[in-house]
Amino acid sequence: MIKILIIIPAFNEQDNILKTCKSIIEYNKKNKTNYDIIVINDGSIDKTREVLEKNNIPHINLIHNLGIGGAVQTGYKYAYEKNYDVAIQFDGDGQHNINYVKDLISAIEEGNDMVIGSRFIENTGKFKSTKMRRIGINIISMFIKLFTGKKIYDTTSGFRACNKNIIKIFSLSYPTEYPEPISNVEIIKKGYSVKEVSVSMNERKAGNSSIHSWKNVYYMINVLLSIIIVSLRRDK
């Protein structure tokens, strides 16, 4: 049996984290699966830590807020040290659906190195983010295709599964800025196989997204420049 770890980065998710973790625990019971959980409490200043400790949820408390990149890399370091076969990124805000994890794992077992849960490869009619965010994702997608030759539809999806090869890479180095699109580019440029599988996602029920509307233009310019820099560096 393969060892599977679900990495859940969480910053100020006191209103979401317990429900997210319970969805995985209940899924395990119902389906006789054994997905392990590790929550990376990224220096939360609300009651996230208290909720985790009170409910005996496995977690790592970071002393300072490292941001999503640092929190996720901590999870990959844990997965590598504990010799997991598959690690799955799973947001703590309730947007990801545990029922799709099996599809990501199946795609890994087929021989893919990294699998992205994508909102955009099929028209599910479900929540797909705001119109402006979708426009930005399409632009990033075009840039990734231009510089790697690989089309990634859901470039900012944080719902991803990785095999041992990618776990090791991410445990050693993981982007701190714009981690999803930049790590997609890095993995593709290294020659690893990346596949998208169709998922639907939920709207955040509480708390705030890490990307705010006033930052969108700044975000777009910098992520596109980062894609160019990473692509040129890997081509040398």
Protein backbone atom coordinates (compact mmCIF):
# COMPACT_ATOMS: atom_id res chain seq x y z
CA MET A 1 0.00 0.00 0.00
CA ILE A 2 1.35 3.41 -0.96
CA LYS A 3 1.83 6.02 1.73
CA ILE A 4 -0.18 9.18 1.05
CA LEU A 5 0.14 12.49 2.86
CA ILE A 6 -2.20 15.44 2.54
CA ILE A 7 -0.38 18.73 3.19
CA ILE A 8 -2.66 21.51 4.41
CA PRO A 9 -1.11 24.98 4.68
CA ALA A 10 -3.11 27.23 6.97
CA PHE A 11 -2.82 30.88 7.91
CA ASN A 12 -5.60 32.31 10.10
CA GLU A 13 -8.04 29.54 9.19
CA GLN A 14 -9.75 29.15 12.57
CA ASP A 15 -13.19 29.10 10.93
CA ASN A 16 -12.30 26.62 8.19
CA ILE A 17 -9.55 24.27 9.28
CA LEU A 18 -11.55 21.88 11.45
CA LYS A 19 -14.20 21.33 8.80
CA THR A 20 -11.49 20.77 6.18
CA CYS A 21 -9.70 18.17 8.30
CA LYS A 22 -12.93 16.46 9.32
CA SER A 23 -13.88 16.05 5.66
CA ILE A 24 -10.69 14.01 5.16
CA ILE A 25 -11.13 11.99 8.36
CA GLU A 26 -14.74 11.17 7.48
CA TYR A 27 -13.74 10.26 3.93
CA ASN A 28 -11.12 7.85 5.27
CA LYS A 29 -13.69 6.14 7.48
CA LYS A 30 -16.31 5.89 4.75
CA ASN A 31 -13.98 4.68 2.01
CA LYS A 32 -11.47 2.69 4.08
CA THR A 33 -8.64 4.88 2.85
CA ASN A 34 -5.65 5.93 4.90
CA TYR A 35 -4.75 9.46 3.85
CA ASP A 36 -2.50 10.99 6.49
CA ILE A 37 -2.82 14.69 7.33
CA ILE A 38 -0.28 17.31 8.28
CA VAL A 39 -1.44 20.89 8.79
CA ILE A 40 1.25 23.54 8.47
CA ASN A 41 0.13 26.34 10.77
CA ASP A 42 1.90 29.26 9.12
CA GLY A 43 2.33 31.58 12.09
CA SER A 44 -1.41 32.17 12.46
CA ILE A 45 -2.39 34.95 14.84
CA ASP A 46 -5.98 33.80 15.29
CA LYS A 47 -7.11 30.57 17.02
CA THR A 48 -5.96 28.15 14.32
CA ARG A 49 -3.35 26.57 16.61
CA GLU A 50 -5.87 26.24 19.43
CA VAL A 51 -8.35 24.49 17.13
CA LEU A 52 -5.69 22.05 15.90
CA GLU A 53 -4.46 21.20 19.40
CA LYS A 54 -7.94 20.88 20.88
CA ASN A 55 -8.97 18.40 18.16
CA ASN A 56 -5.67 16.45 18.09
CA ILE A 57 -5.05 17.20 14.43
CA PRO A 58 -1.43 16.48 13.33
CA HIS A 59 0.27 19.78 12.66
CA ILE A 60 3.50 21.75 12.58
CA ASN A 61 3.53 25.23 14.05
CA LEU A 62 5.76 27.72 12.27
CA ILE A 63 7.03 30.47 14.58
CA HIS A 64 6.79 33.12 11.88
CA ASN A 65 4.55 33.50 8.86
CA LEU A 66 6.58 32.19 5.90
CA GLY A 67 3.85 32.61 3.30
CA ILE A 68 2.27 29.88 1.22
CA GLY A 69 5.55 28.86 -0.40
CA GLY A 70 7.38 28.36 2.88
CA ALA A 71 4.44 26.56 4.48
CA VAL A 72 4.04 24.16 1.57
CA GLN A 73 7.77 23.45 1.44
CA THR A 74 7.65 22.58 5.15
CA GLY A 75 5.00 20.01 4.27
CA TYR A 76 7.15 18.55 1.52
CA LYS A 77 10.15 18.35 3.86
CA TYR A 78 7.98 16.38 6.28
CA ALA A 79 6.74 14.11 3.45
CA TYR A 80 10.31 13.47 2.30
CA GLU A 81 11.63 12.75 5.79
CA LYS A 82 8.73 10.36 6.49
CA ASN A 83 9.20 8.59 3.14
CA TYR A 84 5.73 9.20 1.68
CA ASP A 85 5.05 7.94 -1.83
CA VAL A 86 2.55 10.66 -2.73
CA ALA A 87 2.05 14.12 -1.27
CA ILE A 88 -1.07 16.16 -1.98
CA GLN A 89 -1.46 19.89 -1.47
CA PHE A 90 -4.89 20.68 -0.07
CA ASP A 91 -6.02 24.16 0.95
CA GLY A 92 -7.18 24.75 4.50
CA ASP A 93 -9.96 27.14 3.50
CA GLY A 94 -12.49 24.54 2.35
CA GLN A 95 -12.15 25.18 -1.39
CA HIS A 96 -10.79 21.73 -2.25
CA ASN A 97 -12.98 18.63 -2.32
CA ILE A 98 -11.59 15.43 -0.80
CA ASN A 99 -13.62 13.31 -3.25
CA TYR A 100 -11.25 14.29 -6.08
CA VAL A 101 -8.08 13.16 -4.30
CA LYS A 102 -8.49 9.63 -5.65
CA ASP A 103 -8.40 10.99 -9.22
CA LEU A 104 -5.12 12.80 -8.56
CA ILE A 105 -3.64 9.66 -7.01
CA SER A 106 -4.79 7.51 -9.96
CA ALA A 107 -3.02 9.85 -12.37
CA ILE A 108 0.18 9.55 -10.29
CA GLU A 109 -0.12 5.75 -10.33
CA GLU A 110 -0.40 5.92 -14.15
CA GLY A 111 3.14 7.28 -14.20
CA ASN A 112 2.77 11.06 -14.01
CA ASP A 113 5.15 12.94 -11.73
CA MET A 114 2.83 15.81 -10.79
CA VAL A 115 -0.94 16.08 -11.18
CA ILE A 116 -2.90 19.32 -10.98
CA GLY A 117 -6.55 19.50 -10.02
CA SER A 118 -7.96 21.77 -12.72
CA ARG A 119 -11.18 23.79 -12.82
CA PHE A 120 -10.84 24.59 -16.49
CA ILE A 121 -10.30 21.45 -18.57
CA GLU A 122 -14.01 20.59 -18.36
CA ASN A 123 -17.07 22.82 -18.08
CA THR A 124 -18.48 21.61 -14.77
CA GLY A 125 -20.56 24.73 -14.16
CA LYS A 126 -19.10 24.95 -10.67
CA PHE A 127 -17.25 27.82 -8.98
CA LYS A 128 -14.21 28.85 -11.06
CA SER A 129 -13.09 32.08 -9.36
CA THR A 130 -13.87 35.63 -10.44
CA LYS A 131 -13.88 36.79 -14.06
CA MET A 132 -10.78 38.95 -13.60
CA ARG A 133 -8.91 36.12 -11.89
CA ARG A 134 -9.79 33.78 -14.77
CA ILE A 135 -8.45 36.32 -17.28
CA GLY A 136 -5.21 36.48 -15.33
CA ILE A 137 -4.97 32.67 -15.20
CA ASN A 138 -5.45 32.51 -18.99
CA ILE A 139 -2.62 35.00 -19.53
CA ILE A 140 -0.31 33.03 -17.24
CA SER A 141 -1.31 29.86 -19.08
CA MET A 142 -0.31 31.40 -22.41
CA PHE A 143 3.07 32.45 -21.02
CA ILE A 144 3.76 28.97 -19.62
CA LYS A 145 2.87 27.41 -22.98
CA LEU A 146 5.10 29.93 -24.78
CA PHE A 147 8.16 29.24 -22.63
CA THR A 148 7.73 25.51 -21.91
CA GLY A 149 5.63 24.16 -24.78
CA LYS A 150 3.19 22.69 -22.23
CA LYS A 151 -0.36 23.95 -21.79
CA ILE A 152 -1.43 24.27 -18.16
CA TYR A 153 -5.03 25.44 -17.84
CA ASP A 154 -5.34 25.98 -14.08
CA THR A 155 -1.99 27.62 -13.45
CA THR A 156 -2.69 28.80 -9.90
CA SER A 157 -4.37 25.66 -8.60
CA GLY A 158 -3.02 24.68 -5.19
CA PHE A 159 -4.72 21.27 -5.42
CA ARG A 160 -1.84 19.07 -6.59
CA ALA A 161 -0.38 15.61 -6.14
CA CYS A 162 3.32 14.76 -6.42
CA ASN A 163 5.29 11.54 -6.54
CA LYS A 164 8.55 10.83 -4.70
CA ASN A 165 10.68 12.54 -7.32
CA ILE A 166 8.82 15.83 -6.96
CA ILE A 167 8.52 15.51 -3.19
CA LYS A 168 12.31 15.43 -2.99
CA ILE A 169 12.72 18.41 -5.35
CA PHE A 170 10.15 20.52 -3.50
CA SER A 171 11.60 19.59 -0.11
CA LEU A 172 14.93 21.07 -1.21
CA SER A 173 13.66 24.07 -3.16
CA TYR A 174 10.21 25.59 -3.53
CA PRO A 175 9.28 29.07 -4.83
CA THR A 176 8.38 31.57 -2.14
CA GLU A 177 6.82 33.97 -4.64
CA TYR A 178 3.97 32.83 -6.93
CA PRO A 179 4.66 29.20 -6.00
CA GLU A 180 2.08 27.37 -8.14
CA PRO A 181 2.80 28.83 -11.60
CA ILE A 182 6.55 29.07 -11.00
CA SER A 183 6.90 25.52 -9.68
CA ASN A 184 4.83 24.31 -12.66
CA VAL A 185 7.37 25.90 -14.99
CA GLU A 186 10.35 24.52 -13.06
CA ILE A 187 9.03 20.96 -13.06
CA ILE A 188 8.15 21.04 -16.76
CA LYS A 189 11.56 22.49 -17.66
CA LYS A 190 13.25 19.69 -15.72
CA GLY A 191 11.52 17.18 -18.00
CA TYR A 192 9.02 15.71 -15.55
CA SER A 193 5.50 14.79 -16.63
CA VAL A 194 2.68 17.05 -15.51
CA LYS A 195 -0.99 16.22 -16.02
CA GLU A 196 -4.23 18.02 -15.19
CA VAL A 197 -7.38 16.22 -14.04
CA SER A 198 -10.79 17.80 -13.81
CA VAL A 199 -12.03 18.91 -10.38
CA SER A 200 -14.61 21.34 -9.08
CA MET A 201 -13.86 23.69 -6.21
CA ASN A 202 -15.91 25.49 -3.61
CA GLU A 203 -15.97 29.15 -2.70
CA ARG A 204 -14.12 30.16 0.43
CA LYS A 205 -16.64 30.24 3.30
CA ALA A 206 -14.69 32.42 5.72
CA GLY A 207 -11.49 34.44 5.97
CA ASN A 208 -9.64 36.20 3.16
CA SER A 209 -7.79 35.08 0.07
CA SER A 210 -4.05 35.75 -0.07
CA ILE A 211 -4.50 37.59 -3.38
CA HIS A 212 -6.53 40.80 -3.19
CA SER A 213 -7.97 42.72 -6.13
CA TRP A 214 -5.72 45.76 -5.64
CA LYS A 215 -2.70 43.54 -6.05
CA ASN A 216 -3.81 41.87 -9.30
CA VAL A 217 -1.86 44.05 -11.74
CA TYR A 218 1.27 43.86 -9.59
CA TYR A 219 0.80 40.11 -9.24
CA MET A 220 0.39 39.59 -12.98
CA ILE A 221 3.43 41.63 -13.99
CA ASN A 222 5.68 39.91 -11.47
CA VAL A 223 4.51 36.38 -12.12
CA LEU A 224 5.01 36.80 -15.87
CA LEU A 225 8.49 38.23 -15.34
CA SER A 226 9.27 35.34 -13.00
CA ILE A 227 8.16 32.80 -15.61
CA ILE A 228 10.52 34.38 -18.15
CA ILE A 229 13.45 34.41 -15.71
CA VAL A 230 12.91 30.80 -14.60
CA SER A 231 12.54 29.63 -18.18
CA LEU A 232 15.72 31.32 -19.33
CA ARG A 233 17.64 30.02 -16.33
CA ARG A 234 16.56 26.44 -16.98
CA ASP A 235 17.39 26.71 -20.68
CA LYS A 236 21.08 27.42 -19.99
